Amino acid sequence: MLSANLQCWNLLEAVVQKSLDSTIAVCQCDAEFIEVSLRGTWIAQDCSCEEGIFLAELSDALPGTLCERAEFILFKLWQESLAYQSSLR
């Protein structure tokens, strides 16, 4: 979940619309937050473990440079969301 008040949401929406399957999805949770869902695999020591690595492959769902753009936009939104949350404190 990321803050809904960020600048790059329209860029991610454009990428999601061009996605060939449901590997990436965006859903408005409420007025303050938007959820980004990625289809992938959680790798951990066991099923109940809270620590692990999440792997998602966007290259099959998005053509060429659009995949790289999706990764960049997600990273940018995450950074902006962290900055936005710290400015609220």
PDB file of N, CA and C in Angstrom:
ATOM      1  N   MET A   1       0.841  -1.165   0.000  1.00  0.00           N
ATOM      2  CA  MET A   1       0.000   0.000   0.000  1.00  0.00           C
ATOM      3  C   MET A   1       0.889   1.232   0.000  1.00  0.00           C
ATOM      4  N   LEU A   2       0.526   2.148  -0.856  1.00  0.00           N
ATOM      5  CA  LEU A   2       1.281   3.392  -0.987  1.00  0.00           C
ATOM      6  C   LEU A   2       0.315   4.574  -0.896  1.00  0.00           C
ATOM      7  N   SER A   3       0.851   5.710  -0.554  1.00  0.00           N
ATOM      8  CA  SER A   3       0.038   6.915  -0.417  1.00  0.00           C
ATOM      9  C   SER A   3      -0.620   7.279  -1.756  1.00  0.00           C
ATOM     10  N   ALA A   4      -1.875   7.661  -1.708  1.00  0.00           N
ATOM     11  CA  ALA A   4      -2.609   8.051  -2.916  1.00  0.00           C
ATOM     12  C   ALA A   4      -2.252   9.458  -3.372  1.00  0.00           C
ATOM     13  N   ASN A   5      -1.482  10.191  -2.583  1.00  0.00           N
ATOM     14  CA  ASN A   5      -1.154  11.585  -2.886  1.00  0.00           C
ATOM     15  C   ASN A   5       0.146  11.750  -3.667  1.00  0.00           C
ATOM     16  N   LEU A   6       0.600  10.721  -4.330  1.00  0.00           N
ATOM     17  CA  LEU A   6       1.890  10.771  -5.024  1.00  0.00           C
ATOM     18  C   LEU A   6       1.716  11.189  -6.484  1.00  0.00           C
ATOM     19  N   GLN A   7       2.782  11.703  -7.071  1.00  0.00           N
ATOM     20  CA  GLN A   7       2.761  12.265  -8.424  1.00  0.00           C
ATOM     21  C   GLN A   7       2.718  11.221  -9.540  1.00  0.00           C
ATOM     22  N   CYS A   8       3.317  10.061  -9.363  1.00  0.00           N
ATOM     23  CA  CYS A   8       3.546   9.108 -10.469  1.00  0.00           C
ATOM     24  C   CYS A   8       2.415   8.123 -10.728  1.00  0.00           C
ATOM     25  N   TRP A   9       1.287   8.231 -10.017  1.00  0.00           N
ATOM     26  CA  TRP A   9       0.246   7.221 -10.178  1.00  0.00           C
ATOM     27  C   TRP A   9      -0.257   7.102 -11.613  1.00  0.00           C
ATOM     28  N   ASN A  10      -0.389   8.216 -12.318  1.00  0.00           N
ATOM     29  CA  ASN A  10      -0.896   8.146 -13.695  1.00  0.00           C
ATOM     30  C   ASN A  10       0.057   7.368 -14.597  1.00  0.00           C
ATOM     31  N   LEU A  11       1.359   7.434 -14.331  1.00  0.00           N
ATOM     32  CA  LEU A  11       2.329   6.661 -15.115  1.00  0.00           C
ATOM     33  C   LEU A  11       2.148   5.166 -14.886  1.00  0.00           C
ATOM     34  N   LEU A  12       1.951   4.779 -13.621  1.00  0.00           N
ATOM     35  CA  LEU A  12       1.758   3.357 -13.325  1.00  0.00           C
ATOM     36  C   LEU A  12       0.439   2.860 -13.909  1.00  0.00           C
ATOM     37  N   GLU A  13      -0.600   3.668 -13.848  1.00  0.00           N
ATOM     38  CA  GLU A  13      -1.894   3.282 -14.430  1.00  0.00           C
ATOM     39  C   GLU A  13      -1.743   2.978 -15.923  1.00  0.00           C
ATOM     40  N   ALA A  14      -0.968   3.783 -16.633  1.00  0.00           N
ATOM     41  CA  ALA A  14      -0.737   3.557 -18.065  1.00  0.00           C
ATOM     42  C   ALA A  14      -0.030   2.231 -18.298  1.00  0.00           C
ATOM     43  N   VAL A  15       0.935   1.895 -17.442  1.00  0.00           N
ATOM     44  CA  VAL A  15       1.652   0.625 -17.564  1.00  0.00           C
ATOM     45  C   VAL A  15       0.716  -0.543 -17.284  1.00  0.00           C
ATOM     46  N   VAL A  16      -0.116  -0.420 -16.256  1.00  0.00           N
ATOM     47  CA  VAL A  16      -1.052  -1.489 -15.895  1.00  0.00           C
ATOM     48  C   VAL A  16      -2.024  -1.756 -17.040  1.00  0.00           C
ATOM     49  N   GLN A  17      -2.486  -0.709 -17.699  1.00  0.00           N
ATOM     50  CA  GLN A  17      -3.430  -0.872 -18.813  1.00  0.00           C
ATOM     51  C   GLN A  17      -2.801  -1.604 -19.989  1.00  0.00           C
ATOM     52  N   LYS A  18      -1.479  -1.476 -20.157  1.00  0.00           N
ATOM     53  CA  LYS A  18      -0.792  -2.145 -21.261  1.00  0.00           C
ATOM     54  C   LYS A  18      -0.328  -3.553 -20.903  1.00  0.00           C
ATOM     55  N   SER A  19      -0.506  -3.937 -19.648  1.00  0.00           N
ATOM     56  CA  SER A  19      -0.096  -5.260 -19.198  1.00  0.00           C
ATOM     57  C   SER A  19      -0.895  -6.333 -19.932  1.00  0.00           C
ATOM     58  N   LEU A  20      -0.223  -7.420 -20.308  1.00  0.00           N
ATOM     59  CA  LEU A  20      -0.867  -8.490 -21.061  1.00  0.00           C
ATOM     60  C   LEU A  20      -1.637  -9.459 -20.178  1.00  0.00           C
ATOM     61  N   ASP A  21      -1.361  -9.465 -18.882  1.00  0.00           N
ATOM     62  CA  ASP A  21      -2.097 -10.321 -17.954  1.00  0.00           C
ATOM     63  C   ASP A  21      -2.206  -9.608 -16.611  1.00  0.00           C
ATOM     64  N   SER A  22      -2.543 -10.330 -15.572  1.00  0.00           N
ATOM     65  CA  SER A  22      -2.758  -9.690 -14.268  1.00  0.00           C
ATOM     66  C   SER A  22      -1.531  -9.776 -13.363  1.00  0.00           C
ATOM     67  N   THR A  23      -0.341  -9.679 -13.925  1.00  0.00           N
ATOM     68  CA  THR A  23       0.875  -9.715 -13.123  1.00  0.00           C
ATOM     69  C   THR A  23       0.968  -8.499 -12.216  1.00  0.00           C
ATOM     70  N   ILE A  24       0.442  -7.381 -12.654  1.00  0.00           N
ATOM     71  CA  ILE A  24       0.458  -6.158 -11.854  1.00  0.00           C
ATOM     72  C   ILE A  24      -0.951  -5.551 -11.869  1.00  0.00           C
ATOM     73  N   ALA A  25      -1.406  -5.133 -10.691  1.00  0.00           N
ATOM     74  CA  ALA A  25      -2.741  -4.541 -10.573  1.00  0.00           C
ATOM     75  C   ALA A  25      -2.696  -3.418  -9.547  1.00  0.00           C
ATOM     76  N   VAL A  26      -3.568  -2.429  -9.728  1.00  0.00           N
ATOM     77  CA  VAL A  26      -3.653  -1.287  -8.823  1.00  0.00           C
ATOM     78  C   VAL A  26      -5.097  -1.186  -8.344  1.00  0.00           C
ATOM     79  N   CYS A  27      -5.267  -0.980  -7.035  1.00  0.00           N
ATOM     80  CA  CYS A  27      -6.612  -0.903  -6.459  1.00  0.00           C
ATOM     81  C   CYS A  27      -6.659   0.225  -5.426  1.00  0.00           C
ATOM     82  N   GLN A  28      -7.631   1.121  -5.549  1.00  0.00           N
ATOM     83  CA  GLN A  28      -7.825   2.208  -4.581  1.00  0.00           C
ATOM     84  C   GLN A  28      -8.425   1.610  -3.314  1.00  0.00           C
ATOM     85  N   CYS A  29      -7.703   1.675  -2.193  1.00  0.00           N
ATOM     86  CA  CYS A  29      -8.184   1.127  -0.917  1.00  0.00           C
ATOM     87  C   CYS A  29      -9.145   2.084  -0.237  1.00  0.00           C
ATOM     88  N   ASP A  30      -8.722   3.339  -0.148  1.00  0.00           N
ATOM     89  CA  ASP A  30      -9.542   4.396   0.437  1.00  0.00           C
ATOM     90  C   ASP A  30      -8.996   5.723  -0.088  1.00  0.00           C
ATOM     91  N   ALA A  31      -9.394   6.824   0.513  1.00  0.00           N
ATOM     92  CA  ALA A  31      -8.960   8.132   0.011  1.00  0.00           C
ATOM     93  C   ALA A  31      -7.459   8.359   0.188  1.00  0.00           C
ATOM     94  N   GLU A  32      -6.840   7.639   1.118  1.00  0.00           N
ATOM     95  CA  GLU A  32      -5.436   7.881   1.425  1.00  0.00           C
ATOM     96  C   GLU A  32      -4.457   6.889   0.810  1.00  0.00           C
ATOM     97  N   PHE A  33      -4.909   5.670   0.504  1.00  0.00           N
ATOM     98  CA  PHE A  33      -3.973   4.634   0.069  1.00  0.00           C
ATOM     99  C   PHE A  33      -4.425   3.899  -1.188  1.00  0.00           C
ATOM    100  N   ILE A  34      -3.433   3.508  -1.974  1.00  0.00           N
ATOM    101  CA  ILE A  34      -3.631   2.692  -3.167  1.00  0.00           C
ATOM    102  C   ILE A  34      -2.766   1.448  -2.999  1.00  0.00           C
ATOM    103  N   GLU A  35      -3.334   0.309  -3.320  1.00  0.00           N
ATOM    104  CA  GLU A  35      -2.608  -0.952  -3.200  1.00  0.00           C
ATOM    105  C   GLU A  35      -2.104  -1.387  -4.568  1.00  0.00           C
ATOM    106  N   VAL A  36      -0.840  -1.758  -4.625  1.00  0.00           N
ATOM    107  CA  VAL A  36      -0.250  -2.314  -5.835  1.00  0.00           C
ATOM    108  C   VAL A  36      -0.062  -3.802  -5.579  1.00  0.00           C
ATOM    109  N   SER A  37      -0.617  -4.635  -6.441  1.00  0.00           N
ATOM    110  CA  SER A  37      -0.485  -6.082  -6.300  1.00  0.00           C
ATOM    111  C   SER A  37       0.373  -6.629  -7.426  1.00  0.00           C
ATOM    112  N   LEU A  38       1.316  -7.457  -7.053  1.00  0.00           N
ATOM    113  CA  LEU A  38       2.176  -8.134  -8.021  1.00  0.00           C
ATOM    114  C   LEU A  38       2.019  -9.635  -7.833  1.00  0.00           C
ATOM    115  N   ARG A  39       1.897 -10.371  -8.923  1.00  0.00           N
ATOM    116  CA  ARG A  39       1.847 -11.816  -8.840  1.00  0.00           C
ATOM    117  C   ARG A  39       3.282 -12.316  -8.798  1.00  0.00           C
ATOM    118  N   GLY A  40       3.582 -13.151  -7.817  1.00  0.00           N
ATOM    119  CA  GLY A  40       4.942 -13.647  -7.687  1.00  0.00           C
ATOM    120  C   GLY A  40       5.015 -14.787  -6.695  1.00  0.00           C
ATOM    121  N   THR A  41       6.219 -15.035  -6.190  1.00  0.00           N
ATOM    122  CA  THR A  41       6.475 -16.150  -5.287  1.00  0.00           C
ATOM    123  C   THR A  41       7.172 -15.631  -4.033  1.00  0.00           C
ATOM    124  N   TRP A  42       6.681 -16.062  -2.878  1.00  0.00           N
ATOM    125  CA  TRP A  42       7.296 -15.732  -1.599  1.00  0.00           C
ATOM    126  C   TRP A  42       8.227 -16.884  -1.222  1.00  0.00           C
ATOM    127  N   ILE A  43       9.485 -16.586  -1.002  1.00  0.00           N
ATOM    128  CA  ILE A  43      10.470 -17.599  -0.633  1.00  0.00           C
ATOM    129  C   ILE A  43      10.905 -17.316   0.797  1.00  0.00           C
ATOM    130  N   ALA A  44      10.663 -18.289   1.672  1.00  0.00           N
ATOM    131  CA  ALA A  44      11.013 -18.139   3.083  1.00  0.00           C
ATOM    132  C   ALA A  44      11.433 -19.501   3.632  1.00  0.00           C
ATOM    133  N   GLN A  45      11.941 -19.491   4.851  1.00  0.00           N
ATOM    134  CA  GLN A  45      12.408 -20.724   5.471  1.00  0.00           C
ATOM    135  C   GLN A  45      11.259 -21.716   5.664  1.00  0.00           C
ATOM    136  N   ASP A  46      10.070 -21.228   6.053  1.00  0.00           N
ATOM    137  CA  ASP A  46       8.872 -22.061   6.135  1.00  0.00           C
ATOM    138  C   ASP A  46       7.642 -21.197   5.882  1.00  0.00           C
ATOM    139  N   CYS A  47       6.467 -21.809   5.772  1.00  0.00           N
ATOM    140  CA  CYS A  47       5.249 -21.077   5.375  1.00  0.00           C
ATOM    141  C   CYS A  47       4.828 -20.000   6.367  1.00  0.00           C
ATOM    142  N   SER A  48       5.161 -20.150   7.635  1.00  0.00           N
ATOM    143  CA  SER A  48       4.724 -19.161   8.621  1.00  0.00           C
ATOM    144  C   SER A  48       5.780 -18.081   8.894  1.00  0.00           C
ATOM    145  N   CYS A  49       6.873 -18.128   8.184  1.00  0.00           N
ATOM    146  CA  CYS A  49       7.960 -17.177   8.389  1.00  0.00           C
ATOM    147  C   CYS A  49       7.583 -15.796   7.843  1.00  0.00           C
ATOM    148  N   GLU A  50       7.840 -14.743   8.637  1.00  0.00           N
ATOM    149  CA  GLU A  50       7.542 -13.377   8.214  1.00  0.00           C
ATOM    150  C   GLU A  50       8.669 -12.755   7.404  1.00  0.00           C
ATOM    151  N   GLU A  51       9.854 -13.329   7.477  1.00  0.00           N
ATOM    152  CA  GLU A  51      10.996 -12.807   6.735  1.00  0.00           C
ATOM    153  C   GLU A  51      11.262 -13.702   5.532  1.00  0.00           C
ATOM    154  N   GLY A  52      11.504 -13.062   4.395  1.00  0.00           N
ATOM    155  CA  GLY A  52      11.778 -13.813   3.187  1.00  0.00           C
ATOM    156  C   GLY A  52      12.016 -12.873   2.018  1.00  0.00           C
ATOM    157  N   ILE A  53      11.922 -13.428   0.846  1.00  0.00           N
ATOM    158  CA  ILE A  53      12.135 -12.669  -0.389  1.00  0.00           C
ATOM    159  C   ILE A  53      10.921 -12.880  -1.285  1.00  0.00           C
ATOM    160  N   PHE A  54      10.410 -11.789  -1.845  1.00  0.00           N
ATOM    161  CA  PHE A  54       9.312 -11.873  -2.800  1.00  0.00           C
ATOM    162  C   PHE A  54       9.876 -11.674  -4.194  1.00  0.00           C
ATOM    163  N   LEU A  55       9.612 -12.619  -5.089  1.00  0.00           N
ATOM    164  CA  LEU A  55      10.078 -12.534  -6.477  1.00  0.00           C
ATOM    165  C   LEU A  55       8.889 -12.360  -7.408  1.00  0.00           C
ATOM    166  N   ALA A  56       8.978 -11.362  -8.259  1.00  0.00           N
ATOM    167  CA  ALA A  56       7.941 -11.128  -9.257  1.00  0.00           C
ATOM    168  C   ALA A  56       8.628 -10.858 -10.586  1.00  0.00           C
ATOM    169  N   GLU A  57       8.129 -11.488 -11.625  1.00  0.00           N
ATOM    170  CA  GLU A  57       8.699 -11.281 -12.953  1.00  0.00           C
ATOM    171  C   GLU A  57       7.693 -10.529 -13.805  1.00  0.00           C
ATOM    172  N   LEU A  58       8.078  -9.325 -14.210  1.00  0.00           N
ATOM    173  CA  LEU A  58       7.200  -8.506 -15.034  1.00  0.00           C
ATOM    174  C   LEU A  58       7.470  -8.682 -16.514  1.00  0.00           C
ATOM    175  N   SER A  59       8.590  -9.260 -16.880  1.00  0.00           N
ATOM    176  CA  SER A  59       8.986  -9.298 -18.290  1.00  0.00           C
ATOM    177  C   SER A  59       8.040 -10.119 -19.161  1.00  0.00           C
ATOM    178  N   ASP A  60       7.405 -11.160 -18.619  1.00  0.00           N
ATOM    179  CA  ASP A  60       6.461 -11.939 -19.418  1.00  0.00           C
ATOM    180  C   ASP A  60       5.162 -11.185 -19.671  1.00  0.00           C
ATOM    181  N   ALA A  61       4.813 -10.309 -18.740  1.00  0.00           N
ATOM    182  CA  ALA A  61       3.530  -9.604 -18.826  1.00  0.00           C
ATOM    183  C   ALA A  61       3.625  -8.298 -19.597  1.00  0.00           C
ATOM    184  N   LEU A  62       4.810  -7.711 -19.637  1.00  0.00           N
ATOM    185  CA  LEU A  62       4.957  -6.395 -20.250  1.00  0.00           C
ATOM    186  C   LEU A  62       6.013  -6.449 -21.340  1.00  0.00           C
ATOM    187  N   PRO A  63       5.741  -5.880 -22.494  1.00  0.00           N
ATOM    188  CA  PRO A  63       6.719  -5.901 -23.571  1.00  0.00           C
ATOM    189  C   PRO A  63       7.943  -5.030 -23.296  1.00  0.00           C
ATOM    190  N   GLY A  64       9.128  -5.560 -23.579  1.00  0.00           N
ATOM    191  CA  GLY A  64      10.405  -4.854 -23.582  1.00  0.00           C
ATOM    192  C   GLY A  64      10.635  -3.796 -22.534  1.00  0.00           C
ATOM    193  N   THR A  65      10.819  -2.554 -22.973  1.00  0.00           N
ATOM    194  CA  THR A  65      11.177  -1.464 -22.069  1.00  0.00           C
ATOM    195  C   THR A  65      10.043  -1.083 -21.124  1.00  0.00           C
ATOM    196  N   LEU A  66       8.822  -1.502 -21.430  1.00  0.00           N
ATOM    197  CA  LEU A  66       7.698  -1.216 -20.541  1.00  0.00           C
ATOM    198  C   LEU A  66       7.897  -1.908 -19.192  1.00  0.00           C
ATOM    199  N   CYS A  67       8.500  -3.093 -19.194  1.00  0.00           N
ATOM    200  CA  CYS A  67       8.808  -3.809 -17.962  1.00  0.00           C
ATOM    201  C   CYS A  67       9.772  -2.993 -17.109  1.00  0.00           C
ATOM    202  N   GLU A  68      10.842  -2.504 -17.716  1.00  0.00           N
ATOM    203  CA  GLU A  68      11.818  -1.684 -16.993  1.00  0.00           C
ATOM    204  C   GLU A  68      11.157  -0.420 -16.466  1.00  0.00           C
ATOM    205  N   ARG A  69      10.265   0.144 -17.248  1.00  0.00           N
ATOM    206  CA  ARG A  69       9.559   1.353 -16.828  1.00  0.00           C
ATOM    207  C   ARG A  69       8.665   1.059 -15.623  1.00  0.00           C
ATOM    208  N   ALA A  70       7.980  -0.087 -15.640  1.00  0.00           N
ATOM    209  CA  ALA A  70       7.118  -0.465 -14.508  1.00  0.00           C
ATOM    210  C   ALA A  70       7.939  -0.603 -13.238  1.00  0.00           C
ATOM    211  N   GLU A  71       9.077  -1.259 -13.330  1.00  0.00           N
ATOM    212  CA  GLU A  71       9.945  -1.414 -12.157  1.00  0.00           C
ATOM    213  C   GLU A  71      10.419  -0.055 -11.648  1.00  0.00           C
ATOM    214  N   PHE A  72      10.814   0.825 -12.556  1.00  0.00           N
ATOM    215  CA  PHE A  72      11.280   2.155 -12.168  1.00  0.00           C
ATOM    216  C   PHE A  72      10.168   2.948 -11.499  1.00  0.00           C
ATOM    217  N   ILE A  73       8.959   2.914 -12.067  1.00  0.00           N
ATOM    218  CA  ILE A  73       7.832   3.669 -11.511  1.00  0.00           C
ATOM    219  C   ILE A  73       7.466   3.133 -10.125  1.00  0.00           C
ATOM    220  N   LEU A  74       7.441   1.813  -9.954  1.00  0.00           N
ATOM    221  CA  LEU A  74       7.144   1.236  -8.642  1.00  0.00           C
ATOM    222  C   LEU A  74       8.180   1.660  -7.601  1.00  0.00           C
ATOM    223  N   PHE A  75       9.446   1.634  -8.001  1.00  0.00           N
ATOM    224  CA  PHE A  75      10.509   2.049  -7.097  1.00  0.00           C
ATOM    225  C   PHE A  75      10.352   3.524  -6.721  1.00  0.00           C
ATOM    226  N   LYS A  76      10.056   4.353  -7.711  1.00  0.00           N
ATOM    227  CA  LYS A  76       9.871   5.791  -7.495  1.00  0.00           C
ATOM    228  C   LYS A  76       8.677   6.049  -6.567  1.00  0.00           C
ATOM    229  N   LEU A  77       7.569   5.350  -6.794  1.00  0.00           N
ATOM    230  CA  LEU A  77       6.395   5.505  -5.933  1.00  0.00           C
ATOM    231  C   LEU A  77       6.715   5.095  -4.500  1.00  0.00           C
ATOM    232  N   TRP A  78       7.459   4.010  -4.335  1.00  0.00           N
ATOM    233  CA  TRP A  78       7.843   3.550  -3.005  1.00  0.00           C
ATOM    234  C   TRP A  78       8.694   4.612  -2.305  1.00  0.00           C
ATOM    235  N   GLN A  79       9.680   5.174  -3.021  1.00  0.00           N
ATOM    236  CA  GLN A  79      10.532   6.218  -2.435  1.00  0.00           C
ATOM    237  C   GLN A  79       9.712   7.456  -2.054  1.00  0.00           C
ATOM    238  N   GLU A  80       8.833   7.887  -2.955  1.00  0.00           N
ATOM    239  CA  GLU A  80       7.997   9.059  -2.688  1.00  0.00           C
ATOM    240  C   GLU A  80       7.069   8.808  -1.508  1.00  0.00           C
ATOM    241  N   SER A  81       6.551   7.589  -1.399  1.00  0.00           N
ATOM    242  CA  SER A  81       5.652   7.249  -0.308  1.00  0.00           C
ATOM    243  C   SER A  81       6.370   7.315   1.033  1.00  0.00           C
ATOM    244  N   LEU A  82       7.612   6.826   1.068  1.00  0.00           N
ATOM    245  CA  LEU A  82       8.406   6.911   2.299  1.00  0.00           C
ATOM    246  C   LEU A  82       8.650   8.370   2.681  1.00  0.00           C
ATOM    247  N   ALA A  83       9.006   9.192   1.699  1.00  0.00           N
ATOM    248  CA  ALA A  83       9.259  10.616   1.948  1.00  0.00           C
ATOM    249  C   ALA A  83       7.980  11.315   2.405  1.00  0.00           C
ATOM    250  N   TYR A  84       6.846  10.965   1.777  1.00  0.00           N
ATOM    251  CA  TYR A  84       5.570  11.581   2.124  1.00  0.00           C
ATOM    252  C   TYR A  84       5.172  11.223   3.564  1.00  0.00           C
ATOM    253  N   GLN A  85       5.357   9.949   3.938  1.00  0.00           N
ATOM    254  CA  GLN A  85       5.020   9.522   5.288  1.00  0.00           C
ATOM    255  C   GLN A  85       5.888  10.211   6.331  1.00  0.00           C
ATOM    256  N   SER A  86       7.208  10.367   6.043  1.00  0.00           N
ATOM    257  CA  SER A  86       8.069  11.027   7.016  1.00  0.00           C
ATOM    258  C   SER A  86       7.757  12.510   7.130  1.00  0.00           C
ATOM    259  N   SER A  87       7.269  13.135   6.067  1.00  0.00           N
ATOM    260  CA  SER A  87       6.936  14.564   6.159  1.00  0.00           C
ATOM    261  C   SER A  87       5.656  14.782   6.968  1.00  0.00           C
ATOM    262  N   LEU A  88       4.826  13.751   7.101  1.00  0.00           N
ATOM    263  CA  LEU A  88       3.611  13.865   7.893  1.00  0.00           C
ATOM    264  C   LEU A  88       3.887  13.786   9.389  1.00  0.00           C
ATOM    265  N   ARG A  89       5.025  13.244   9.761  1.00  0.00           N
ATOM    266  CA  ARG A  89       5.350  13.069  11.188  1.00  0.00           C
ATOM    267  C   ARG A  89       5.872  14.313  11.811  1.00  0.00           C
TER     268      ARG A  89
END
